[in-house]
Amino acid sequence: MKQAVVYRSAFVALALTLGAGAASAQGNATLDGIAKYREMLQDGNPAELFEMKGEELWKQKRGPKAATLEQCDLGKGPGVLKGAFTELPRYFKDTGKVMDLETRLIHCMVTLQGFDSAELYKAAPSIGKGEGANLVAITTYVATASKGLRFNLPNNTEQEKAMYEVGKRLFFQRSGPHDFSCSSCHGMEGGRIRLQDLPNLTKNPGDGIGFAAWPAYRVSNSQMWTMQKRLNDCYRQQRFPEPKFGSDATIALGVYMGVNSKGAESIVPAIKR
């Protein structure tokens, strides 16, 4: 009888070991499949079309003032694009605010081209039409100019430090009908929802991951998403009310994730499932 129990225990242990091995092998096969899928997507990324449109809009005389955006100061001097994206959001003395790329571009469209600020902020969430689509394209063009560079957000002024702390608190704040927070999905190692990896954004997630991958083209809905859109959708998935475009909340979260991404290489424009 004792011998039978020993055999049975040994069989169970062997079965568990083989099952774990099979699960591990299946997991590795799944990861390999995802990697190949993403590699295939990168060939002919439609984001290039948005980049081209953005370049045309950057150089085109538009708005009531019939001016281009070529003198827009994104933090490195008028018209300097290379390296600007990887240092945003940041504090701007001329506005007295910490601004991300999208809100800074709206500022330039208002001051240089004469567009109405309220109308631009109203149009911005409609990423597929009108000035909302134009803003997405310009954002993609400017961000792409820093592809391959490494994030190095300034975090020196009182305003930047305050926004970092606000972003950190928002990242860990649990609320809503499901008691979710940003950290529920992005506060641990090895997380995943279905085929989507969930990087740990409480620290530097690495090259081309998290903050270093947006704007990105979403294959599932054939849209180009900027960081503002990505954050708003995260709030939607948490069943939170979506923040207003360009809100201090989204910019603070951008500061928190951007500072944490120091040294990570930008792969923008990326492509997502």
C-alpha atoms as a PDB file:
ATOM      1  CA  MET A   1       0.000   0.000   0.000  1.00  0.00           C
ATOM      2  CA  LYS A   2       2.798   2.390   0.969  1.00  0.00           C
ATOM      3  CA  GLN A   3       4.623   1.493  -2.237  1.00  0.00           C
ATOM      4  CA  ALA A   4       1.523   2.355  -4.269  1.00  0.00           C
ATOM      5  CA  VAL A   5       1.299   5.728  -2.554  1.00  0.00           C
ATOM      6  CA  VAL A   6       4.953   6.375  -3.344  1.00  0.00           C
ATOM      7  CA  TYR A   7       4.421   5.460  -7.001  1.00  0.00           C
ATOM      8  CA  ARG A   8       1.305   7.633  -7.143  1.00  0.00           C
ATOM      9  CA  SER A   9       3.163  10.599  -5.610  1.00  0.00           C
ATOM     10  CA  ALA A  10       6.036  10.123  -8.011  1.00  0.00           C
ATOM     11  CA  PHE A  11       3.615  10.005 -10.945  1.00  0.00           C
ATOM     12  CA  VAL A  12       1.894  13.223  -9.827  1.00  0.00           C
ATOM     13  CA  ALA A  13       5.250  14.968  -9.407  1.00  0.00           C
ATOM     14  CA  LEU A  14       6.347  13.831 -12.867  1.00  0.00           C
ATOM     15  CA  ALA A  15       3.060  14.956 -14.394  1.00  0.00           C
ATOM     16  CA  LEU A  16       3.371  18.397 -12.787  1.00  0.00           C
ATOM     17  CA  THR A  17       6.949  18.702 -13.982  1.00  0.00           C
ATOM     18  CA  LEU A  18       6.037  17.724 -17.534  1.00  0.00           C
ATOM     19  CA  GLY A  19       3.019  20.033 -17.435  1.00  0.00           C
ATOM     20  CA  ALA A  20       5.115  22.958 -16.268  1.00  0.00           C
ATOM     21  CA  GLY A  21       7.663  22.214 -18.963  1.00  0.00           C
ATOM     22  CA  ALA A  22       4.974  22.067 -21.615  1.00  0.00           C
ATOM     23  CA  ALA A  23       3.438  25.311 -20.368  1.00  0.00           C
ATOM     24  CA  SER A  24       6.866  26.958 -20.408  1.00  0.00           C
ATOM     25  CA  ALA A  25       7.540  25.698 -23.935  1.00  0.00           C
ATOM     26  CA  GLN A  26       4.101  26.890 -25.054  1.00  0.00           C
ATOM     27  CA  GLY A  27       4.760  30.278 -23.436  1.00  0.00           C
ATOM     28  CA  ASN A  28       8.089  30.601 -25.224  1.00  0.00           C
ATOM     29  CA  ALA A  29       6.475  29.610 -28.517  1.00  0.00           C
ATOM     30  CA  THR A  30       3.818  32.280 -27.978  1.00  0.00           C
ATOM     31  CA  LEU A  31       6.450  34.930 -27.259  1.00  0.00           C
ATOM     32  CA  ASP A  32       8.387  33.904 -30.376  1.00  0.00           C
ATOM     33  CA  GLY A  33       5.204  34.132 -32.422  1.00  0.00           C
ATOM     34  CA  ILE A  34       4.443  37.613 -31.078  1.00  0.00           C
ATOM     35  CA  ALA A  35       7.990  38.743 -31.860  1.00  0.00           C
ATOM     36  CA  LYS A  36       7.717  37.480 -35.453  1.00  0.00           C
ATOM     37  CA  TYR A  37       4.296  39.125 -35.827  1.00  0.00           C
ATOM     38  CA  ARG A  38       5.691  42.478 -34.702  1.00  0.00           C
ATOM     39  CA  GLU A  39       8.683  42.100 -36.997  1.00  0.00           C
ATOM     40  CA  MET A  40       6.348  41.548 -39.936  1.00  0.00           C
ATOM     41  CA  LEU A  41       4.326  44.637 -38.990  1.00  0.00           C
ATOM     42  CA  GLN A  42       7.411  46.837 -38.980  1.00  0.00           C
ATOM     43  CA  ASP A  43       7.920  46.227 -42.686  1.00  0.00           C
ATOM     44  CA  GLY A  44       6.036  49.050 -44.349  1.00  0.00           C
ATOM     45  CA  ASN A  45       4.824  50.852 -41.226  1.00  0.00           C
ATOM     46  CA  PRO A  46       1.902  53.124 -42.294  1.00  0.00           C
ATOM     47  CA  ALA A  47       3.174  55.677 -39.761  1.00  0.00           C
ATOM     48  CA  GLU A  48       5.492  56.886 -42.502  1.00  0.00           C
ATOM     49  CA  LEU A  49       2.478  58.373 -44.286  1.00  0.00           C
ATOM     50  CA  PHE A  50       1.579  60.383 -41.186  1.00  0.00           C
ATOM     51  CA  GLU A  51       5.178  61.537 -40.902  1.00  0.00           C
ATOM     52  CA  MET A  52       5.161  62.737 -44.516  1.00  0.00           C
ATOM     53  CA  LYS A  53       1.890  64.603 -43.990  1.00  0.00           C
ATOM     54  CA  GLY A  54       3.280  66.138 -40.820  1.00  0.00           C
ATOM     55  CA  GLU A  55       6.346  67.435 -42.631  1.00  0.00           C
ATOM     56  CA  GLU A  56       4.146  69.078 -45.265  1.00  0.00           C
ATOM     57  CA  LEU A  57       2.036  70.733 -42.572  1.00  0.00           C
ATOM     58  CA  TRP A  58       5.132  71.873 -40.665  1.00  0.00           C
ATOM     59  CA  LYS A  59       6.417  73.724 -43.731  1.00  0.00           C
ATOM     60  CA  GLN A  60       3.059  74.889 -45.077  1.00  0.00           C
ATOM     61  CA  LYS A  61       1.831  78.448 -44.568  1.00  0.00           C
ATOM     62  CA  ARG A  62      -1.429  78.057 -42.703  1.00  0.00           C
ATOM     63  CA  GLY A  63      -3.838  79.829 -40.378  1.00  0.00           C
ATOM     64  CA  PRO A  64      -4.949  83.479 -40.208  1.00  0.00           C
ATOM     65  CA  LYS A  65      -1.306  84.584 -40.204  1.00  0.00           C
ATOM     66  CA  ALA A  66      -0.393  82.428 -43.221  1.00  0.00           C
ATOM     67  CA  ALA A  67       2.784  81.259 -41.497  1.00  0.00           C
ATOM     68  CA  THR A  68       4.689  77.985 -41.175  1.00  0.00           C
ATOM     69  CA  LEU A  69       5.687  76.215 -37.971  1.00  0.00           C
ATOM     70  CA  GLU A  70       9.371  76.322 -38.861  1.00  0.00           C
ATOM     71  CA  GLN A  71      10.113  78.815 -36.072  1.00  0.00           C
ATOM     72  CA  CYS A  72       8.319  76.794 -33.405  1.00  0.00           C
ATOM     73  CA  ASP A  73      10.497  76.471 -30.292  1.00  0.00           C
ATOM     74  CA  LEU A  74      10.092  73.002 -28.806  1.00  0.00           C
ATOM     75  CA  GLY A  75      12.726  73.558 -26.159  1.00  0.00           C
ATOM     76  CA  LYS A  76      15.966  73.535 -28.135  1.00  0.00           C
ATOM     77  CA  GLY A  77      15.511  76.779 -30.034  1.00  0.00           C
ATOM     78  CA  PRO A  78      13.273  77.955 -32.904  1.00  0.00           C
ATOM     79  CA  GLY A  79      12.933  75.303 -35.575  1.00  0.00           C
ATOM     80  CA  VAL A  80      15.211  72.720 -33.919  1.00  0.00           C
ATOM     81  CA  LEU A  81      13.565  69.310 -34.098  1.00  0.00           C
ATOM     82  CA  LYS A  82      16.304  66.761 -33.452  1.00  0.00           C
ATOM     83  CA  GLY A  83      16.376  65.852 -29.795  1.00  0.00           C
ATOM     84  CA  ALA A  84      13.346  67.947 -28.852  1.00  0.00           C
ATOM     85  CA  PHE A  85      10.941  65.022 -28.491  1.00  0.00           C
ATOM     86  CA  THR A  86      13.231  63.075 -26.170  1.00  0.00           C
ATOM     87  CA  GLU A  87      13.295  66.039 -23.762  1.00  0.00           C
ATOM     88  CA  LEU A  88       9.521  66.525 -23.528  1.00  0.00           C
ATOM     89  CA  PRO A  89       7.426  67.213 -21.462  1.00  0.00           C
ATOM     90  CA  ARG A  90       9.427  70.125 -20.041  1.00  0.00           C
ATOM     91  CA  TYR A  91       8.958  73.569 -18.520  1.00  0.00           C
ATOM     92  CA  PHE A  92       8.695  76.567 -20.870  1.00  0.00           C
ATOM     93  CA  LYS A  93       9.373  80.051 -19.517  1.00  0.00           C
ATOM     94  CA  ASP A  94       7.259  81.784 -22.163  1.00  0.00           C
ATOM     95  CA  THR A  95       4.099  80.039 -20.958  1.00  0.00           C
ATOM     96  CA  GLY A  96       5.073  79.361 -17.352  1.00  0.00           C
ATOM     97  CA  LYS A  97       3.885  75.771 -17.832  1.00  0.00           C
ATOM     98  CA  VAL A  98       5.190  72.249 -18.230  1.00  0.00           C
ATOM     99  CA  MET A  99       4.085  71.188 -21.707  1.00  0.00           C
ATOM    100  CA  ASP A 100       4.248  67.979 -23.725  1.00  0.00           C
ATOM    101  CA  LEU A 101       4.846  67.862 -27.467  1.00  0.00           C
ATOM    102  CA  GLU A 102       1.203  68.126 -28.438  1.00  0.00           C
ATOM    103  CA  THR A 103       0.299  71.063 -26.206  1.00  0.00           C
ATOM    104  CA  ARG A 104       3.485  72.853 -27.247  1.00  0.00           C
ATOM    105  CA  LEU A 105       2.603  72.381 -30.913  1.00  0.00           C
ATOM    106  CA  ILE A 106      -0.837  73.859 -30.265  1.00  0.00           C
ATOM    107  CA  HIS A 107       0.888  76.825 -28.596  1.00  0.00           C
ATOM    108  CA  CYS A 108       2.961  77.351 -31.750  1.00  0.00           C
ATOM    109  CA  MET A 109      -0.077  77.001 -34.008  1.00  0.00           C
ATOM    110  CA  VAL A 110      -1.746  79.742 -31.980  1.00  0.00           C
ATOM    111  CA  THR A 111       1.193  82.148 -31.629  1.00  0.00           C
ATOM    112  CA  LEU A 112       2.805  81.645 -35.039  1.00  0.00           C
ATOM    113  CA  GLN A 113      -0.140  80.804 -37.285  1.00  0.00           C
ATOM    114  CA  GLY A 114      -3.000  82.565 -35.533  1.00  0.00           C
ATOM    115  CA  PHE A 115      -5.255  79.570 -34.898  1.00  0.00           C
ATOM    116  CA  ASP A 116      -7.800  79.797 -32.083  1.00  0.00           C
ATOM    117  CA  SER A 117      -6.588  77.911 -28.998  1.00  0.00           C
ATOM    118  CA  ALA A 118     -10.048  76.818 -27.819  1.00  0.00           C
ATOM    119  CA  GLU A 119     -10.937  75.482 -31.263  1.00  0.00           C
ATOM    120  CA  LEU A 120      -7.697  73.491 -31.505  1.00  0.00           C
ATOM    121  CA  TYR A 121      -8.184  71.898 -28.084  1.00  0.00           C
ATOM    122  CA  LYS A 122     -11.755  71.068 -29.052  1.00  0.00           C
ATOM    123  CA  ALA A 123     -10.631  69.440 -32.294  1.00  0.00           C
ATOM    124  CA  ALA A 124      -7.571  67.625 -30.892  1.00  0.00           C
ATOM    125  CA  PRO A 125      -9.344  64.470 -29.570  1.00  0.00           C
ATOM    126  CA  SER A 126     -10.755  63.756 -33.050  1.00  0.00           C
ATOM    127  CA  ILE A 127      -7.527  62.187 -34.259  1.00  0.00           C
ATOM    128  CA  GLY A 128      -8.982  61.077 -37.596  1.00  0.00           C
ATOM    129  CA  LYS A 129     -10.310  64.332 -38.996  1.00  0.00           C
ATOM    130  CA  GLY A 130      -9.710  68.064 -39.282  1.00  0.00           C
ATOM    131  CA  GLU A 131      -7.129  69.802 -37.133  1.00  0.00           C
ATOM    132  CA  GLY A 132      -7.115  66.815 -34.793  1.00  0.00           C
ATOM    133  CA  ALA A 133      -5.706  64.658 -37.602  1.00  0.00           C
ATOM    134  CA  ASN A 134      -3.292  67.426 -38.562  1.00  0.00           C
ATOM    135  CA  LEU A 135      -1.978  67.610 -35.003  1.00  0.00           C
ATOM    136  CA  VAL A 136      -1.378  63.841 -34.974  1.00  0.00           C
ATOM    137  CA  ALA A 137       0.581  64.096 -38.215  1.00  0.00           C
ATOM    138  CA  ILE A 138       2.717  67.020 -37.039  1.00  0.00           C
ATOM    139  CA  THR A 139       3.359  65.267 -33.724  1.00  0.00           C
ATOM    140  CA  THR A 140       4.507  62.156 -35.592  1.00  0.00           C
ATOM    141  CA  TYR A 141       6.826  64.172 -37.838  1.00  0.00           C
ATOM    142  CA  VAL A 142       8.458  66.038 -34.967  1.00  0.00           C
ATOM    143  CA  ALA A 143       8.802  62.924 -32.801  1.00  0.00           C
ATOM    144  CA  THR A 144      10.347  60.927 -35.641  1.00  0.00           C
ATOM    145  CA  ALA A 145      13.151  63.487 -35.933  1.00  0.00           C
ATOM    146  CA  SER A 146      14.467  62.099 -32.624  1.00  0.00           C
ATOM    147  CA  LYS A 147      14.270  58.428 -33.566  1.00  0.00           C
ATOM    148  CA  GLY A 148      17.237  56.537 -32.167  1.00  0.00           C
ATOM    149  CA  LEU A 149      18.007  59.196 -29.574  1.00  0.00           C
ATOM    150  CA  ARG A 150      17.738  58.539 -25.858  1.00  0.00           C
ATOM    151  CA  PHE A 151      15.293  60.153 -23.461  1.00  0.00           C
ATOM    152  CA  ASN A 152      16.717  62.777 -21.171  1.00  0.00           C
ATOM    153  CA  LEU A 153      13.886  64.865 -19.774  1.00  0.00           C
ATOM    154  CA  PRO A 154      14.933  67.888 -17.730  1.00  0.00           C
ATOM    155  CA  ASN A 155      13.761  67.614 -14.153  1.00  0.00           C
ATOM    156  CA  ASN A 156      15.377  70.677 -12.633  1.00  0.00           C
ATOM    157  CA  THR A 157      12.756  73.378 -12.170  1.00  0.00           C
ATOM    158  CA  GLU A 158      10.227  73.442  -9.356  1.00  0.00           C
ATOM    159  CA  GLN A 159       7.451  73.053 -11.902  1.00  0.00           C
ATOM    160  CA  GLU A 160       8.994  69.934 -13.476  1.00  0.00           C
ATOM    161  CA  LYS A 161       9.664  68.337 -10.090  1.00  0.00           C
ATOM    162  CA  ALA A 162       6.116  69.076  -8.955  1.00  0.00           C
ATOM    163  CA  MET A 163       4.651  67.536 -12.113  1.00  0.00           C
ATOM    164  CA  TYR A 164       6.787  64.430 -11.620  1.00  0.00           C
ATOM    165  CA  GLU A 165       5.425  63.970  -8.096  1.00  0.00           C
ATOM    166  CA  VAL A 166       1.844  64.565  -9.266  1.00  0.00           C
ATOM    167  CA  GLY A 167       2.333  62.049 -12.078  1.00  0.00           C
ATOM    168  CA  LYS A 168       3.720  59.503  -9.629  1.00  0.00           C
ATOM    169  CA  ARG A 169       0.706  59.873  -7.337  1.00  0.00           C
ATOM    170  CA  LEU A 170      -1.703  59.572 -10.256  1.00  0.00           C
ATOM    171  CA  PHE A 171       0.117  56.471 -11.493  1.00  0.00           C
ATOM    172  CA  PHE A 172      -0.486  54.661  -8.202  1.00  0.00           C
ATOM    173  CA  GLN A 173      -3.911  56.141  -7.390  1.00  0.00           C
ATOM    174  CA  ARG A 174      -6.539  53.390  -7.214  1.00  0.00           C
ATOM    175  CA  SER A 175     -10.094  54.408  -7.946  1.00  0.00           C
ATOM    176  CA  GLY A 176     -13.079  53.823 -10.187  1.00  0.00           C
ATOM    177  CA  PRO A 177     -15.595  50.953 -10.208  1.00  0.00           C
ATOM    178  CA  HIS A 178     -12.839  48.314 -10.453  1.00  0.00           C
ATOM    179  CA  ASP A 179     -10.374  49.954  -8.045  1.00  0.00           C
ATOM    180  CA  PHE A 180      -7.745  50.189 -10.809  1.00  0.00           C
ATOM    181  CA  SER A 181      -4.669  52.350 -11.170  1.00  0.00           C
ATOM    182  CA  CYS A 182      -1.984  52.665 -13.848  1.00  0.00           C
ATOM    183  CA  SER A 183       0.211  50.487 -11.634  1.00  0.00           C
ATOM    184  CA  SER A 184      -2.398  47.695 -11.705  1.00  0.00           C
ATOM    185  CA  CYS A 185      -1.159  46.861 -15.199  1.00  0.00           C
ATOM    186  CA  HIS A 186       2.209  48.604 -15.346  1.00  0.00           C
ATOM    187  CA  GLY A 187       3.626  48.218 -11.853  1.00  0.00           C
ATOM    188  CA  MET A 188       5.074  44.705 -12.048  1.00  0.00           C
ATOM    189  CA  GLU A 189       7.444  42.568 -14.088  1.00  0.00           C
ATOM    190  CA  GLY A 190       6.234  40.095 -16.704  1.00  0.00           C
ATOM    191  CA  GLY A 191       2.636  41.281 -16.929  1.00  0.00           C
ATOM    192  CA  ARG A 192       0.525  40.607 -20.009  1.00  0.00           C
ATOM    193  CA  ILE A 193      -3.052  40.957 -21.221  1.00  0.00           C
ATOM    194  CA  ARG A 194      -3.720  38.344 -23.915  1.00  0.00           C
ATOM    195  CA  LEU A 195      -0.914  38.907 -26.467  1.00  0.00           C
ATOM    196  CA  GLN A 196       0.036  42.343 -25.148  1.00  0.00           C
ATOM    197  CA  ASP A 197       3.084  42.672 -22.915  1.00  0.00           C
ATOM    198  CA  LEU A 198       2.666  45.106 -20.020  1.00  0.00           C
ATOM    199  CA  PRO A 199       5.968  46.828 -19.274  1.00  0.00           C
ATOM    200  CA  ASN A 200       6.803  47.941 -15.760  1.00  0.00           C
ATOM    201  CA  LEU A 201       6.671  51.736 -16.044  1.00  0.00           C
ATOM    202  CA  THR A 202       7.628  52.461 -12.445  1.00  0.00           C
ATOM    203  CA  LYS A 203      11.228  52.270 -13.628  1.00  0.00           C
ATOM    204  CA  ASN A 204      13.117  52.409 -16.920  1.00  0.00           C
ATOM    205  CA  PRO A 205      11.408  49.756 -19.085  1.00  0.00           C
ATOM    206  CA  GLY A 206      14.178  49.737 -21.709  1.00  0.00           C
ATOM    207  CA  ASP A 207      14.670  50.802 -25.315  1.00  0.00           C
ATOM    208  CA  GLY A 208      11.562  51.348 -27.410  1.00  0.00           C
ATOM    209  CA  ILE A 209       9.157  50.298 -24.664  1.00  0.00           C
ATOM    210  CA  GLY A 210       6.380  52.260 -23.002  1.00  0.00           C
ATOM    211  CA  PHE A 211       6.959  55.994 -23.263  1.00  0.00           C
ATOM    212  CA  ALA A 212       9.684  55.441 -25.886  1.00  0.00           C
ATOM    213  CA  ALA A 213       7.242  53.831 -28.353  1.00  0.00           C
ATOM    214  CA  TRP A 214       4.545  56.483 -28.831  1.00  0.00           C
ATOM    215  CA  PRO A 215       3.323  57.927 -31.211  1.00  0.00           C
ATOM    216  CA  ALA A 216       2.578  54.548 -32.766  1.00  0.00           C
ATOM    217  CA  TYR A 217       0.360  53.148 -35.505  1.00  0.00           C
ATOM    218  CA  ARG A 218      -2.403  50.853 -34.189  1.00  0.00           C
ATOM    219  CA  VAL A 219      -3.037  48.053 -36.683  1.00  0.00           C
ATOM    220  CA  SER A 220      -6.246  46.964 -34.919  1.00  0.00           C
ATOM    221  CA  ASN A 221      -8.039  50.228 -35.727  1.00  0.00           C
ATOM    222  CA  SER A 222      -5.827  51.694 -38.481  1.00  0.00           C
ATOM    223  CA  GLN A 223      -5.108  54.821 -36.447  1.00  0.00           C
ATOM    224  CA  MET A 224      -2.035  56.751 -35.415  1.00  0.00           C
ATOM    225  CA  TRP A 225      -2.057  57.224 -31.646  1.00  0.00           C
ATOM    226  CA  THR A 226      -0.121  59.872 -29.764  1.00  0.00           C
ATOM    227  CA  MET A 227       0.713  59.702 -26.054  1.00  0.00           C
ATOM    228  CA  GLN A 228      -2.302  61.848 -25.173  1.00  0.00           C
ATOM    229  CA  LYS A 229      -4.575  59.349 -26.947  1.00  0.00           C
ATOM    230  CA  ARG A 230      -2.790  56.398 -25.353  1.00  0.00           C
ATOM    231  CA  LEU A 231      -3.238  57.814 -21.849  1.00  0.00           C
ATOM    232  CA  ASN A 232      -6.880  58.670 -22.436  1.00  0.00           C
ATOM    233  CA  ASP A 233      -7.541  55.120 -23.585  1.00  0.00           C
ATOM    234  CA  CYS A 234      -5.844  53.766 -20.463  1.00  0.00           C
ATOM    235  CA  TYR A 235      -8.242  55.825 -18.367  1.00  0.00           C
ATOM    236  CA  ARG A 236     -11.149  54.490 -20.431  1.00  0.00           C
ATOM    237  CA  GLN A 237     -10.040  50.894 -19.847  1.00  0.00           C
ATOM    238  CA  GLN A 238      -9.854  51.586 -16.122  1.00  0.00           C
ATOM    239  CA  ARG A 239     -13.468  52.831 -16.352  1.00  0.00           C
ATOM    240  CA  PHE A 240     -12.360  56.323 -15.337  1.00  0.00           C
ATOM    241  CA  PRO A 241     -13.785  59.464 -16.955  1.00  0.00           C
ATOM    242  CA  GLU A 242     -11.386  60.373 -19.763  1.00  0.00           C
ATOM    243  CA  PRO A 243      -9.271  63.475 -19.034  1.00  0.00           C
ATOM    244  CA  LYS A 244      -9.590  66.545 -21.211  1.00  0.00           C
ATOM    245  CA  PHE A 245      -7.008  66.788 -23.954  1.00  0.00           C
ATOM    246  CA  GLY A 246      -3.832  68.440 -22.687  1.00  0.00           C
ATOM    247  CA  SER A 247      -4.893  68.243 -19.046  1.00  0.00           C
ATOM    248  CA  ASP A 248      -2.346  68.626 -16.259  1.00  0.00           C
ATOM    249  CA  ALA A 249      -3.069  65.008 -15.323  1.00  0.00           C
ATOM    250  CA  THR A 250      -1.947  63.562 -18.663  1.00  0.00           C
ATOM    251  CA  ILE A 251       1.083  65.837 -18.833  1.00  0.00           C
ATOM    252  CA  ALA A 252       2.079  64.925 -15.259  1.00  0.00           C
ATOM    253  CA  LEU A 253       1.856  61.227 -16.136  1.00  0.00           C
ATOM    254  CA  GLY A 254       4.001  61.949 -19.192  1.00  0.00           C
ATOM    255  CA  VAL A 255       6.612  63.635 -17.003  1.00  0.00           C
ATOM    256  CA  TYR A 256       6.638  60.693 -14.580  1.00  0.00           C
ATOM    257  CA  MET A 257       7.037  58.077 -17.316  1.00  0.00           C
ATOM    258  CA  GLY A 258       9.417  60.223 -19.357  1.00  0.00           C
ATOM    259  CA  VAL A 259      11.799  60.895 -16.486  1.00  0.00           C
ATOM    260  CA  ASN A 260      11.697  57.196 -15.587  1.00  0.00           C
ATOM    261  CA  SER A 261      12.667  56.400 -19.204  1.00  0.00           C
ATOM    262  CA  LYS A 262      15.958  58.296 -18.971  1.00  0.00           C
ATOM    263  CA  GLY A 263      18.461  56.653 -21.309  1.00  0.00           C
ATOM    264  CA  ALA A 264      15.870  54.593 -23.197  1.00  0.00           C
ATOM    265  CA  GLU A 265      16.062  54.781 -27.002  1.00  0.00           C
ATOM    266  CA  SER A 266      13.086  56.177 -28.906  1.00  0.00           C
ATOM    267  CA  ILE A 267      11.786  53.936 -31.723  1.00  0.00           C
ATOM    268  CA  VAL A 268       9.045  56.377 -32.738  1.00  0.00           C
ATOM    269  CA  PRO A 269       7.079  55.952 -34.911  1.00  0.00           C
ATOM    270  CA  ALA A 270       6.374  52.451 -33.653  1.00  0.00           C
ATOM    271  CA  ILE A 271       3.672  50.028 -34.724  1.00  0.00           C
ATOM    272  CA  LYS A 272       1.292  48.218 -32.396  1.00  0.00           C
ATOM    273  CA  ARG A 273      -1.234  45.415 -32.765  1.00  0.00           C
END
